[in-house]
Amino acid sequence: MTVPSGRRERKKAATRQKIADTALRLFLERGYDAVGIRDVAAEADVAVTTLFSHFASKEALVFEQDQDFEQRLTQAVAGRAPHQPLIPALRREIHALVRHCTADSAAPIWRMVDESPALREYEESMRLRHAESLARAIAADLDLPETTTACRTIARFVIDAYSLAREAADPEAAVDEIFRMIEAAWEVACPSGHAGGTVPPARTGTT
């Protein structure tokens, strides 16, 4: 998570984290559907209006790192070193995100998401939003006047790589496998001279 600067920003971030941590604990203890917004606010000792100033919906409480993940993806494009190839930079970021979301502590959360239609729907809309933000970042990186179909397609592939790898038996191997296909598509779709970079060969001995 991005570290805020300034006392006011730090206090606001601490309140937000407290609300999110409280909500997740209650959801896992009692079940997502059994906990209401007022329950979370009371347990976190904040007003309901304060909760909604940090989170737009109940579903957003589960995906509290939503904006941070989105920023990390766009920064992987915009913040990479000059002449650093795009696709390997995105692959490294997806590897990091997948490692974070496949940690043992994350398993109960994903089970909760899988069991809730509302959370699955929210996650799908979140992925689409992340893909659109990433597509805009790619278009800007290429100095394109608008977000092209090719940019949107590659961005969707990258976001799907995260989701597919998270569910794989060997997430890291899955990321590399998917990104070999992404890079092949990028070589065809991107403007001449902008592709560059290679994805490491498949690992052996994995299941």
N, C-alpha and C. Protein backbone atom coordinates (compact mmCIF):
# COMPACT_ATOMS: atom_id res chain seq x y z
N MET A 1 0.83 -1.19 0.00
CA MET A 1 0.00 0.00 0.00
C MET A 1 0.87 1.24 0.00
N THR A 2 0.46 2.28 -0.73
CA THR A 2 1.20 3.52 -0.78
C THR A 2 1.21 4.18 0.59
N VAL A 3 2.38 4.60 1.06
CA VAL A 3 2.50 5.23 2.37
C VAL A 3 2.14 6.70 2.24
N PRO A 4 1.09 7.19 2.95
CA PRO A 4 0.70 8.59 2.84
C PRO A 4 1.66 9.50 3.58
N SER A 5 1.78 10.73 3.13
CA SER A 5 2.63 11.71 3.79
C SER A 5 1.75 12.72 4.49
N GLY A 6 2.22 13.24 5.63
CA GLY A 6 1.45 14.22 6.37
C GLY A 6 0.60 13.55 7.44
N ARG A 7 0.45 14.25 8.57
CA ARG A 7 -0.27 13.69 9.72
C ARG A 7 -1.73 13.40 9.39
N ARG A 8 -2.38 14.32 8.71
CA ARG A 8 -3.79 14.15 8.36
C ARG A 8 -3.99 12.94 7.46
N GLU A 9 -3.10 12.80 6.45
CA GLU A 9 -3.21 11.68 5.52
C GLU A 9 -2.95 10.36 6.22
N ARG A 10 -1.97 10.35 7.13
CA ARG A 10 -1.67 9.12 7.86
C ARG A 10 -2.83 8.70 8.76
N LYS A 11 -3.46 9.66 9.39
CA LYS A 11 -4.61 9.37 10.25
C LYS A 11 -5.77 8.83 9.42
N LYS A 12 -5.99 9.43 8.28
CA LYS A 12 -7.06 8.97 7.39
C LYS A 12 -6.79 7.55 6.91
N ALA A 13 -5.53 7.28 6.53
CA ALA A 13 -5.16 5.95 6.06
C ALA A 13 -5.31 4.92 7.18
N ALA A 14 -4.96 5.31 8.41
CA ALA A 14 -5.08 4.39 9.55
C ALA A 14 -6.54 4.04 9.82
N THR A 15 -7.41 5.04 9.72
CA THR A 15 -8.84 4.80 9.92
C THR A 15 -9.37 3.86 8.84
N ARG A 16 -8.97 4.10 7.61
CA ARG A 16 -9.42 3.25 6.51
C ARG A 16 -8.98 1.81 6.72
N GLN A 17 -7.72 1.63 7.12
CA GLN A 17 -7.20 0.28 7.34
C GLN A 17 -7.91 -0.40 8.50
N LYS A 18 -8.21 0.36 9.53
CA LYS A 18 -8.92 -0.20 10.69
C LYS A 18 -10.30 -0.70 10.27
N ILE A 19 -10.99 0.09 9.47
CA ILE A 19 -12.32 -0.31 8.99
C ILE A 19 -12.23 -1.59 8.16
N ALA A 20 -11.27 -1.61 7.24
CA ALA A 20 -11.11 -2.78 6.36
C ALA A 20 -10.75 -4.03 7.16
N ASP A 21 -9.82 -3.90 8.10
CA ASP A 21 -9.42 -5.05 8.90
C ASP A 21 -10.58 -5.57 9.75
N THR A 22 -11.34 -4.64 10.30
CA THR A 22 -12.49 -5.01 11.12
C THR A 22 -13.53 -5.74 10.27
N ALA A 23 -13.83 -5.19 9.10
CA ALA A 23 -14.82 -5.80 8.21
C ALA A 23 -14.41 -7.21 7.82
N LEU A 24 -13.16 -7.38 7.44
CA LEU A 24 -12.70 -8.70 7.00
C LEU A 24 -12.77 -9.70 8.14
N ARG A 25 -12.40 -9.28 9.32
CA ARG A 25 -12.48 -10.19 10.49
C ARG A 25 -13.92 -10.62 10.73
N LEU A 26 -14.85 -9.68 10.70
CA LEU A 26 -16.26 -10.01 10.92
C LEU A 26 -16.81 -10.90 9.82
N PHE A 27 -16.44 -10.59 8.57
CA PHE A 27 -16.92 -11.41 7.45
C PHE A 27 -16.46 -12.85 7.58
N LEU A 28 -15.20 -13.03 7.96
CA LEU A 28 -14.65 -14.38 8.07
C LEU A 28 -15.20 -15.11 9.29
N GLU A 29 -15.48 -14.37 10.36
CA GLU A 29 -16.00 -15.00 11.58
C GLU A 29 -17.47 -15.38 11.45
N ARG A 30 -18.28 -14.49 10.85
CA ARG A 30 -19.73 -14.66 10.86
C ARG A 30 -20.32 -15.03 9.50
N GLY A 31 -19.54 -14.79 8.46
CA GLY A 31 -20.07 -14.98 7.11
C GLY A 31 -20.39 -13.63 6.49
N TYR A 32 -20.08 -13.49 5.22
CA TYR A 32 -20.24 -12.19 4.54
C TYR A 32 -21.68 -11.69 4.60
N ASP A 33 -22.63 -12.55 4.30
CA ASP A 33 -24.03 -12.12 4.24
C ASP A 33 -24.61 -11.80 5.62
N ALA A 34 -24.00 -12.33 6.67
CA ALA A 34 -24.53 -12.14 8.02
C ALA A 34 -24.08 -10.82 8.66
N VAL A 35 -23.18 -10.12 8.01
CA VAL A 35 -22.62 -8.88 8.58
C VAL A 35 -23.09 -7.69 7.74
N GLY A 36 -23.60 -6.68 8.40
CA GLY A 36 -24.05 -5.48 7.71
C GLY A 36 -23.07 -4.33 7.88
N ILE A 37 -23.30 -3.28 7.13
CA ILE A 37 -22.44 -2.10 7.21
C ILE A 37 -22.44 -1.51 8.62
N ARG A 38 -23.62 -1.46 9.25
CA ARG A 38 -23.70 -0.92 10.61
C ARG A 38 -22.92 -1.77 11.61
N ASP A 39 -22.90 -3.07 11.38
CA ASP A 39 -22.11 -3.95 12.25
C ASP A 39 -20.63 -3.61 12.17
N VAL A 40 -20.16 -3.39 10.94
CA VAL A 40 -18.74 -3.06 10.74
C VAL A 40 -18.41 -1.72 11.38
N ALA A 41 -19.27 -0.73 11.14
CA ALA A 41 -19.02 0.61 11.68
C ALA A 41 -18.98 0.58 13.21
N ALA A 42 -19.93 -0.13 13.81
CA ALA A 42 -19.97 -0.20 15.27
C ALA A 42 -18.73 -0.89 15.83
N GLU A 43 -18.34 -2.00 15.21
CA GLU A 43 -17.16 -2.74 15.68
C GLU A 43 -15.87 -1.93 15.50
N ALA A 44 -15.80 -1.14 14.43
CA ALA A 44 -14.62 -0.31 14.18
C ALA A 44 -14.67 1.01 14.92
N ASP A 45 -15.80 1.26 15.59
CA ASP A 45 -15.99 2.50 16.37
C ASP A 45 -15.90 3.75 15.49
N VAL A 46 -16.60 3.69 14.35
CA VAL A 46 -16.69 4.85 13.47
C VAL A 46 -18.14 5.02 13.06
N ALA A 47 -18.48 6.21 12.60
CA ALA A 47 -19.83 6.46 12.09
C ALA A 47 -20.00 5.78 10.73
N VAL A 48 -21.25 5.45 10.40
CA VAL A 48 -21.52 4.86 9.10
C VAL A 48 -21.09 5.81 7.99
N THR A 49 -21.30 7.11 8.20
CA THR A 49 -20.88 8.10 7.19
C THR A 49 -19.36 8.09 7.01
N THR A 50 -18.62 7.85 8.10
CA THR A 50 -17.16 7.76 7.99
C THR A 50 -16.78 6.54 7.18
N LEU A 51 -17.45 5.42 7.43
CA LEU A 51 -17.17 4.21 6.66
C LEU A 51 -17.38 4.46 5.17
N PHE A 52 -18.50 5.10 4.83
CA PHE A 52 -18.79 5.33 3.42
C PHE A 52 -17.90 6.40 2.80
N SER A 53 -17.25 7.21 3.61
CA SER A 53 -16.29 8.16 3.05
C SER A 53 -15.01 7.47 2.60
N HIS A 54 -14.80 6.24 3.08
CA HIS A 54 -13.62 5.46 2.70
C HIS A 54 -13.96 4.35 1.71
N PHE A 55 -15.16 3.79 1.82
CA PHE A 55 -15.56 2.65 0.98
C PHE A 55 -16.95 2.91 0.42
N ALA A 56 -17.07 2.76 -0.89
CA ALA A 56 -18.33 3.08 -1.55
C ALA A 56 -19.41 2.02 -1.35
N SER A 57 -19.03 0.81 -0.97
CA SER A 57 -19.99 -0.27 -0.84
C SER A 57 -19.46 -1.33 0.12
N LYS A 58 -20.34 -2.23 0.50
CA LYS A 58 -19.94 -3.35 1.36
C LYS A 58 -18.91 -4.22 0.65
N GLU A 59 -19.12 -4.46 -0.65
CA GLU A 59 -18.19 -5.29 -1.41
C GLU A 59 -16.78 -4.70 -1.42
N ALA A 60 -16.70 -3.38 -1.48
CA ALA A 60 -15.40 -2.71 -1.53
C ALA A 60 -14.57 -2.96 -0.28
N LEU A 61 -15.23 -3.28 0.83
CA LEU A 61 -14.52 -3.57 2.07
C LEU A 61 -13.65 -4.82 1.93
N VAL A 62 -14.10 -5.76 1.11
CA VAL A 62 -13.34 -7.00 0.92
C VAL A 62 -12.12 -6.75 0.03
N PHE A 63 -12.30 -5.87 -0.96
CA PHE A 63 -11.22 -5.58 -1.92
C PHE A 63 -10.59 -4.23 -1.59
N GLU A 64 -10.14 -4.09 -0.36
CA GLU A 64 -9.66 -2.78 0.09
C GLU A 64 -8.36 -2.34 -0.59
N GLN A 65 -7.64 -3.25 -1.22
CA GLN A 65 -6.41 -2.88 -1.93
C GLN A 65 -6.66 -2.69 -3.42
N ASP A 66 -7.92 -2.58 -3.79
CA ASP A 66 -8.32 -2.39 -5.18
C ASP A 66 -7.53 -1.26 -5.85
N GLN A 67 -7.57 -0.05 -5.30
CA GLN A 67 -6.91 1.09 -5.92
C GLN A 67 -5.39 0.93 -5.93
N ASP A 68 -4.85 0.32 -4.89
CA ASP A 68 -3.41 0.11 -4.83
C ASP A 68 -2.96 -0.83 -5.95
N PHE A 69 -3.71 -1.91 -6.18
CA PHE A 69 -3.37 -2.85 -7.25
C PHE A 69 -3.46 -2.16 -8.61
N GLU A 70 -4.49 -1.35 -8.79
CA GLU A 70 -4.66 -0.64 -10.06
C GLU A 70 -3.49 0.30 -10.31
N GLN A 71 -3.08 1.02 -9.29
CA GLN A 71 -1.95 1.94 -9.43
C GLN A 71 -0.65 1.20 -9.70
N ARG A 72 -0.48 0.05 -9.08
CA ARG A 72 0.74 -0.73 -9.32
C ARG A 72 0.83 -1.17 -10.77
N LEU A 73 -0.29 -1.56 -11.35
CA LEU A 73 -0.29 -1.99 -12.74
C LEU A 73 0.03 -0.84 -13.68
N THR A 74 -0.60 0.29 -13.48
CA THR A 74 -0.33 1.42 -14.37
C THR A 74 1.08 1.96 -14.15
N GLN A 75 1.57 1.90 -12.91
CA GLN A 75 2.93 2.37 -12.64
C GLN A 75 3.96 1.44 -13.25
N ALA A 76 3.63 0.15 -13.38
CA ALA A 76 4.54 -0.79 -14.04
C ALA A 76 4.79 -0.36 -15.47
N VAL A 77 3.82 0.29 -16.07
CA VAL A 77 3.97 0.81 -17.43
C VAL A 77 4.65 2.18 -17.42
N ALA A 78 4.06 3.11 -16.68
CA ALA A 78 4.52 4.50 -16.73
C ALA A 78 5.83 4.72 -15.98
N GLY A 79 6.10 3.91 -14.97
CA GLY A 79 7.27 4.17 -14.13
C GLY A 79 8.49 3.32 -14.43
N ARG A 80 8.43 2.53 -15.49
CA ARG A 80 9.58 1.67 -15.77
C ARG A 80 10.73 2.50 -16.38
N ALA A 81 11.93 1.96 -16.30
CA ALA A 81 13.11 2.67 -16.79
C ALA A 81 13.06 2.86 -18.31
N PRO A 82 13.72 3.89 -18.82
CA PRO A 82 13.76 4.10 -20.27
C PRO A 82 14.29 2.87 -20.99
N HIS A 83 13.66 2.52 -22.08
CA HIS A 83 14.04 1.38 -22.92
C HIS A 83 13.77 0.02 -22.26
N GLN A 84 13.16 0.02 -21.06
CA GLN A 84 12.79 -1.27 -20.46
C GLN A 84 11.55 -1.79 -21.16
N PRO A 85 11.57 -3.01 -21.68
CA PRO A 85 10.42 -3.54 -22.42
C PRO A 85 9.16 -3.59 -21.57
N LEU A 86 8.04 -3.37 -22.22
CA LEU A 86 6.76 -3.28 -21.53
C LEU A 86 6.28 -4.61 -20.96
N ILE A 87 6.24 -5.63 -21.78
CA ILE A 87 5.63 -6.89 -21.34
C ILE A 87 6.37 -7.54 -20.17
N PRO A 88 7.72 -7.61 -20.19
CA PRO A 88 8.41 -8.15 -19.02
C PRO A 88 8.15 -7.34 -17.74
N ALA A 89 7.99 -6.01 -17.88
CA ALA A 89 7.69 -5.19 -16.71
C ALA A 89 6.33 -5.56 -16.13
N LEU A 90 5.36 -5.77 -17.00
CA LEU A 90 4.04 -6.17 -16.53
C LEU A 90 4.06 -7.59 -15.94
N ARG A 91 4.85 -8.46 -16.56
CA ARG A 91 4.96 -9.82 -16.03
C ARG A 91 5.50 -9.81 -14.60
N ARG A 92 6.51 -9.00 -14.33
CA ARG A 92 7.07 -8.92 -12.98
C ARG A 92 6.02 -8.44 -11.98
N GLU A 93 5.22 -7.46 -12.40
CA GLU A 93 4.20 -6.93 -11.49
C GLU A 93 3.11 -7.96 -11.23
N ILE A 94 2.70 -8.68 -12.27
CA ILE A 94 1.69 -9.72 -12.08
C ILE A 94 2.23 -10.84 -11.19
N HIS A 95 3.50 -11.20 -11.36
CA HIS A 95 4.11 -12.18 -10.46
C HIS A 95 3.98 -11.72 -9.01
N ALA A 96 4.28 -10.45 -8.75
CA ALA A 96 4.22 -9.92 -7.38
C ALA A 96 2.79 -9.94 -6.85
N LEU A 97 1.83 -9.56 -7.67
CA LEU A 97 0.44 -9.55 -7.24
C LEU A 97 -0.07 -10.96 -6.98
N VAL A 98 0.32 -11.89 -7.83
CA VAL A 98 -0.12 -13.27 -7.64
C VAL A 98 0.48 -13.86 -6.37
N ARG A 99 1.75 -13.56 -6.10
CA ARG A 99 2.36 -14.05 -4.86
C ARG A 99 1.59 -13.52 -3.65
N HIS A 100 1.20 -12.26 -3.71
CA HIS A 100 0.47 -11.65 -2.61
C HIS A 100 -0.88 -12.35 -2.40
N CYS A 101 -1.57 -12.64 -3.49
CA CYS A 101 -2.94 -13.16 -3.41
C CYS A 101 -3.02 -14.68 -3.31
N THR A 102 -1.89 -15.35 -3.38
CA THR A 102 -1.90 -16.80 -3.19
C THR A 102 -1.24 -17.20 -1.88
N ALA A 103 -0.95 -16.23 -1.04
CA ALA A 103 -0.42 -16.55 0.29
C ALA A 103 -1.47 -17.34 1.07
N ASP A 104 -1.02 -18.16 2.02
CA ASP A 104 -1.95 -18.99 2.79
C ASP A 104 -3.03 -18.16 3.46
N SER A 105 -2.67 -16.96 3.92
CA SER A 105 -3.63 -16.11 4.62
C SER A 105 -4.76 -15.61 3.72
N ALA A 106 -4.54 -15.65 2.41
CA ALA A 106 -5.55 -15.16 1.48
C ALA A 106 -6.59 -16.21 1.12
N ALA A 107 -6.30 -17.49 1.38
CA ALA A 107 -7.21 -18.57 0.97
C ALA A 107 -8.62 -18.42 1.52
N PRO A 108 -8.82 -18.10 2.81
CA PRO A 108 -10.19 -17.94 3.31
C PRO A 108 -10.95 -16.80 2.63
N ILE A 109 -10.23 -15.77 2.26
CA ILE A 109 -10.86 -14.63 1.61
C ILE A 109 -11.39 -15.03 0.24
N TRP A 110 -10.58 -15.76 -0.52
CA TRP A 110 -11.01 -16.17 -1.86
C TRP A 110 -12.14 -17.19 -1.79
N ARG A 111 -12.16 -18.02 -0.75
CA ARG A 111 -13.29 -18.93 -0.58
C ARG A 111 -14.57 -18.14 -0.34
N MET A 112 -14.45 -17.09 0.46
CA MET A 112 -15.61 -16.23 0.71
C MET A 112 -16.09 -15.56 -0.58
N VAL A 113 -15.15 -15.08 -1.38
CA VAL A 113 -15.51 -14.44 -2.65
C VAL A 113 -16.20 -15.44 -3.57
N ASP A 114 -15.65 -16.63 -3.67
CA ASP A 114 -16.22 -17.66 -4.55
C ASP A 114 -17.64 -18.03 -4.15
N GLU A 115 -17.95 -17.93 -2.86
CA GLU A 115 -19.26 -18.33 -2.36
C GLU A 115 -20.30 -17.22 -2.42
N SER A 116 -19.89 -16.01 -2.78
CA SER A 116 -20.80 -14.87 -2.79
C SER A 116 -20.99 -14.32 -4.20
N PRO A 117 -22.20 -14.41 -4.76
CA PRO A 117 -22.45 -13.84 -6.09
C PRO A 117 -22.16 -12.34 -6.14
N ALA A 118 -22.47 -11.62 -5.06
CA ALA A 118 -22.23 -10.17 -5.05
C ALA A 118 -20.74 -9.86 -5.12
N LEU A 119 -19.93 -10.63 -4.40
CA LEU A 119 -18.49 -10.41 -4.43
C LEU A 119 -17.89 -10.82 -5.76
N ARG A 120 -18.38 -11.90 -6.36
CA ARG A 120 -17.87 -12.31 -7.67
C ARG A 120 -18.20 -11.25 -8.72
N GLU A 121 -19.39 -10.69 -8.65
CA GLU A 121 -19.78 -9.65 -9.60
C GLU A 121 -18.92 -8.40 -9.41
N TYR A 122 -18.66 -8.06 -8.15
CA TYR A 122 -17.82 -6.89 -7.87
C TYR A 122 -16.40 -7.11 -8.39
N GLU A 123 -15.88 -8.32 -8.16
CA GLU A 123 -14.53 -8.62 -8.63
C GLU A 123 -14.44 -8.51 -10.15
N GLU A 124 -15.47 -8.99 -10.86
CA GLU A 124 -15.47 -8.91 -12.31
C GLU A 124 -15.47 -7.45 -12.78
N SER A 125 -16.29 -6.61 -12.16
CA SER A 125 -16.31 -5.19 -12.55
C SER A 125 -14.99 -4.52 -12.21
N MET A 126 -14.36 -4.94 -11.13
CA MET A 126 -13.06 -4.41 -10.73
C MET A 126 -11.99 -4.77 -11.76
N ARG A 127 -12.02 -6.04 -12.23
CA ARG A 127 -11.05 -6.46 -13.24
C ARG A 127 -11.22 -5.67 -14.53
N LEU A 128 -12.45 -5.42 -14.93
CA LEU A 128 -12.69 -4.65 -16.15
C LEU A 128 -12.17 -3.22 -16.00
N ARG A 129 -12.37 -2.65 -14.83
CA ARG A 129 -11.87 -1.28 -14.58
C ARG A 129 -10.35 -1.25 -14.58
N HIS A 130 -9.73 -2.24 -13.96
CA HIS A 130 -8.26 -2.32 -13.97
C HIS A 130 -7.73 -2.46 -15.40
N ALA A 131 -8.41 -3.28 -16.19
CA ALA A 131 -7.97 -3.48 -17.57
C ALA A 131 -8.07 -2.19 -18.37
N GLU A 132 -9.13 -1.44 -18.15
CA GLU A 132 -9.29 -0.18 -18.89
C GLU A 132 -8.22 0.83 -18.47
N SER A 133 -7.92 0.90 -17.19
CA SER A 133 -6.87 1.81 -16.72
C SER A 133 -5.52 1.40 -17.30
N LEU A 134 -5.26 0.10 -17.32
CA LEU A 134 -4.00 -0.39 -17.88
C LEU A 134 -3.92 -0.10 -19.37
N ALA A 135 -5.03 -0.27 -20.08
CA ALA A 135 -5.05 0.01 -21.52
C ALA A 135 -4.73 1.48 -21.79
N ARG A 136 -5.28 2.38 -20.97
CA ARG A 136 -4.99 3.80 -21.14
C ARG A 136 -3.51 4.09 -20.88
N ALA A 137 -2.94 3.42 -19.88
CA ALA A 137 -1.52 3.61 -19.57
C ALA A 137 -0.65 3.12 -20.72
N ILE A 138 -1.01 2.00 -21.33
CA ILE A 138 -0.25 1.46 -22.46
C ILE A 138 -0.35 2.41 -23.66
N ALA A 139 -1.55 2.92 -23.92
CA ALA A 139 -1.73 3.85 -25.04
C ALA A 139 -0.90 5.11 -24.83
N ALA A 140 -0.91 5.63 -23.60
CA ALA A 140 -0.12 6.83 -23.30
C ALA A 140 1.36 6.55 -23.46
N ASP A 141 1.79 5.36 -23.06
CA ASP A 141 3.20 4.99 -23.18
C ASP A 141 3.64 4.95 -24.64
N LEU A 142 2.72 4.59 -25.51
CA LEU A 142 3.02 4.52 -26.95
C LEU A 142 2.75 5.84 -27.67
N ASP A 143 2.36 6.86 -26.89
CA ASP A 143 2.03 8.17 -27.47
C ASP A 143 0.89 8.07 -28.49
N LEU A 144 -0.07 7.20 -28.21
CA LEU A 144 -1.22 7.07 -29.09
C LEU A 144 -2.28 8.10 -28.69
N PRO A 145 -2.99 8.66 -29.66
CA PRO A 145 -3.99 9.69 -29.34
C PRO A 145 -5.21 9.14 -28.62
N GLU A 146 -5.44 7.83 -28.71
CA GLU A 146 -6.57 7.21 -28.03
C GLU A 146 -6.25 5.77 -27.71
N THR A 147 -7.06 5.19 -26.81
CA THR A 147 -6.86 3.80 -26.43
C THR A 147 -7.37 2.89 -27.54
N THR A 148 -6.48 2.13 -28.13
CA THR A 148 -6.84 1.28 -29.27
C THR A 148 -7.37 -0.08 -28.81
N THR A 149 -7.96 -0.79 -29.74
CA THR A 149 -8.42 -2.15 -29.45
C THR A 149 -7.26 -3.04 -29.03
N ALA A 150 -6.10 -2.86 -29.69
CA ALA A 150 -4.93 -3.66 -29.34
C ALA A 150 -4.51 -3.42 -27.89
N CYS A 151 -4.52 -2.16 -27.46
CA CYS A 151 -4.15 -1.84 -26.08
C CYS A 151 -5.13 -2.47 -25.10
N ARG A 152 -6.41 -2.38 -25.42
CA ARG A 152 -7.43 -2.97 -24.54
C ARG A 152 -7.29 -4.50 -24.49
N THR A 153 -7.00 -5.09 -25.63
CA THR A 153 -6.88 -6.55 -25.68
C THR A 153 -5.72 -7.04 -24.83
N ILE A 154 -4.56 -6.40 -25.00
CA ILE A 154 -3.39 -6.80 -24.22
C ILE A 154 -3.64 -6.57 -22.73
N ALA A 155 -4.29 -5.46 -22.40
CA ALA A 155 -4.59 -5.17 -21.00
C ALA A 155 -5.51 -6.23 -20.40
N ARG A 156 -6.52 -6.64 -21.17
CA ARG A 156 -7.42 -7.70 -20.69
C ARG A 156 -6.64 -9.00 -20.47
N PHE A 157 -5.75 -9.32 -21.41
CA PHE A 157 -4.94 -10.53 -21.26
C PHE A 157 -4.13 -10.49 -19.97
N VAL A 158 -3.55 -9.33 -19.68
CA VAL A 158 -2.71 -9.18 -18.48
C VAL A 158 -3.54 -9.36 -17.22
N ILE A 159 -4.72 -8.74 -17.17
CA ILE A 159 -5.59 -8.89 -16.00
C ILE A 159 -6.07 -10.32 -15.86
N ASP A 160 -6.41 -10.96 -16.98
CA ASP A 160 -6.84 -12.36 -16.93
C ASP A 160 -5.69 -13.27 -16.48
N ALA A 161 -4.46 -12.90 -16.82
CA ALA A 161 -3.31 -13.69 -16.39
C ALA A 161 -3.26 -13.76 -14.87
N TYR A 162 -3.55 -12.64 -14.24
CA TYR A 162 -3.56 -12.60 -12.78
C TYR A 162 -4.62 -13.56 -12.23
N SER A 163 -5.84 -13.51 -12.78
CA SER A 163 -6.93 -14.34 -12.29
C SER A 163 -6.68 -15.82 -12.54
N LEU A 164 -6.20 -16.15 -13.74
CA LEU A 164 -5.96 -17.55 -14.09
C LEU A 164 -4.81 -18.14 -13.28
N ALA A 165 -3.74 -17.38 -13.12
CA ALA A 165 -2.58 -17.88 -12.39
C ALA A 165 -2.91 -18.07 -10.92
N ARG A 166 -3.73 -17.20 -10.37
CA ARG A 166 -4.12 -17.32 -8.97
C ARG A 166 -4.80 -18.65 -8.69
N GLU A 167 -5.50 -19.20 -9.68
CA GLU A 167 -6.24 -20.45 -9.49
C GLU A 167 -5.43 -21.68 -9.91
N ALA A 168 -4.24 -21.48 -10.46
CA ALA A 168 -3.45 -22.61 -10.97
C ALA A 168 -2.73 -23.35 -9.85
N ALA A 169 -2.37 -24.61 -10.12
CA ALA A 169 -1.63 -25.40 -9.14
C ALA A 169 -0.25 -24.81 -8.89
N ASP A 170 0.36 -24.28 -9.95
CA ASP A 170 1.67 -23.63 -9.84
C ASP A 170 1.52 -22.22 -10.40
N PRO A 171 1.16 -21.25 -9.56
CA PRO A 171 0.87 -19.89 -10.04
C PRO A 171 2.02 -19.24 -10.79
N GLU A 172 3.25 -19.40 -10.30
CA GLU A 172 4.38 -18.75 -10.96
C GLU A 172 4.60 -19.30 -12.36
N ALA A 173 4.54 -20.61 -12.49
CA ALA A 173 4.69 -21.22 -13.82
C ALA A 173 3.55 -20.78 -14.74
N ALA A 174 2.35 -20.64 -14.17
CA ALA A 174 1.21 -20.21 -14.98
C ALA A 174 1.39 -18.79 -15.50
N VAL A 175 1.93 -17.91 -14.66
CA VAL A 175 2.19 -16.53 -15.11
C VAL A 175 3.14 -16.54 -16.30
N ASP A 176 4.23 -17.29 -16.19
CA ASP A 176 5.20 -17.33 -17.29
C ASP A 176 4.60 -17.92 -18.56
N GLU A 177 3.80 -18.97 -18.40
CA GLU A 177 3.16 -19.59 -19.56
C GLU A 177 2.22 -18.62 -20.26
N ILE A 178 1.40 -17.94 -19.48
CA ILE A 178 0.44 -16.99 -20.06
C ILE A 178 1.15 -15.82 -20.71
N PHE A 179 2.21 -15.34 -20.08
CA PHE A 179 2.90 -14.18 -20.63
C PHE A 179 3.68 -14.50 -21.91
N ARG A 180 4.03 -15.76 -22.12
CA ARG A 180 4.62 -16.08 -23.41
C ARG A 180 3.59 -15.87 -24.53
N MET A 181 2.35 -16.20 -24.25
CA MET A 181 1.29 -15.97 -25.23
C MET A 181 1.00 -14.48 -25.37
N ILE A 182 1.01 -13.76 -24.25
CA ILE A 182 0.78 -12.31 -24.30
C ILE A 182 1.86 -11.63 -25.13
N GLU A 183 3.11 -12.04 -24.92
CA GLU A 183 4.19 -11.40 -25.67
C GLU A 183 4.10 -11.71 -27.16
N ALA A 184 3.70 -12.92 -27.49
CA ALA A 184 3.53 -13.26 -28.91
C ALA A 184 2.45 -12.38 -29.53
N ALA A 185 1.35 -12.18 -28.80
CA ALA A 185 0.28 -11.31 -29.30
C ALA A 185 0.75 -9.87 -29.41
N TRP A 186 1.54 -9.43 -28.45
CA TRP A 186 2.04 -8.05 -28.45
C TRP A 186 2.98 -7.80 -29.62
N GLU A 187 3.79 -8.78 -29.94
CA GLU A 187 4.71 -8.64 -31.07
C GLU A 187 3.93 -8.39 -32.36
N VAL A 188 2.76 -9.00 -32.45
CA VAL A 188 1.94 -8.83 -33.65
C VAL A 188 1.15 -7.53 -33.61
N ALA A 189 0.63 -7.18 -32.44
CA ALA A 189 -0.32 -6.08 -32.35
C ALA A 189 0.30 -4.70 -32.18
N CYS A 190 1.45 -4.61 -31.51
CA CYS A 190 1.96 -3.29 -31.16
C CYS A 190 2.66 -2.64 -32.34
N PRO A 191 2.76 -1.29 -32.30
CA PRO A 191 3.48 -0.58 -33.36
C PRO A 191 4.93 -1.03 -33.45
N SER A 192 5.49 -0.99 -34.63
CA SER A 192 6.86 -1.43 -34.87
C SER A 192 7.83 -0.71 -33.96
N GLY A 193 8.73 -1.51 -33.36
CA GLY A 193 9.78 -0.93 -32.52
C GLY A 193 9.40 -0.79 -31.07
N HIS A 194 8.13 -1.13 -30.69
CA HIS A 194 7.71 -0.96 -29.31
C HIS A 194 7.60 -2.27 -28.54
N ALA A 195 7.79 -3.40 -29.19
CA ALA A 195 7.56 -4.68 -28.50
C ALA A 195 8.70 -4.97 -27.53
N GLY A 196 9.75 -5.58 -28.04
CA GLY A 196 10.95 -5.80 -27.22
C GLY A 196 10.76 -6.75 -26.06
N GLY A 197 11.85 -7.26 -25.54
CA GLY A 197 11.84 -8.07 -24.34
C GLY A 197 11.38 -9.49 -24.58
N THR A 198 11.79 -10.37 -23.71
CA THR A 198 11.39 -11.77 -23.83
C THR A 198 10.93 -12.28 -22.48
N VAL A 199 10.10 -13.28 -22.51
CA VAL A 199 9.66 -13.96 -21.30
C VAL A 199 10.52 -15.19 -21.12
N PRO A 200 10.97 -15.50 -19.90
CA PRO A 200 11.84 -16.64 -19.68
C PRO A 200 11.23 -17.92 -20.20
N PRO A 201 12.05 -18.91 -20.60
CA PRO A 201 11.51 -20.18 -21.08
C PRO A 201 10.78 -20.91 -19.96
N ALA A 202 9.97 -21.87 -20.36
CA ALA A 202 9.19 -22.63 -19.38
C ALA A 202 10.10 -23.32 -18.39
N ARG A 203 9.67 -23.36 -17.14
CA ARG A 203 10.42 -24.08 -16.13
C ARG A 203 10.12 -25.57 -16.26
N THR A 204 11.07 -26.39 -15.90
CA THR A 204 10.87 -27.84 -15.95
C THR A 204 10.77 -28.37 -14.54
N GLY A 205 10.16 -29.54 -14.45
CA GLY A 205 10.05 -30.18 -13.15
C GLY A 205 8.90 -29.67 -12.32
N THR A 206 7.98 -28.87 -12.91
CA THR A 206 6.85 -28.35 -12.16
C THR A 206 5.62 -29.15 -12.53
N THR A 207 4.63 -29.06 -11.68
CA THR A 207 3.37 -29.76 -11.93
C THR A 207 2.27 -28.76 -12.12
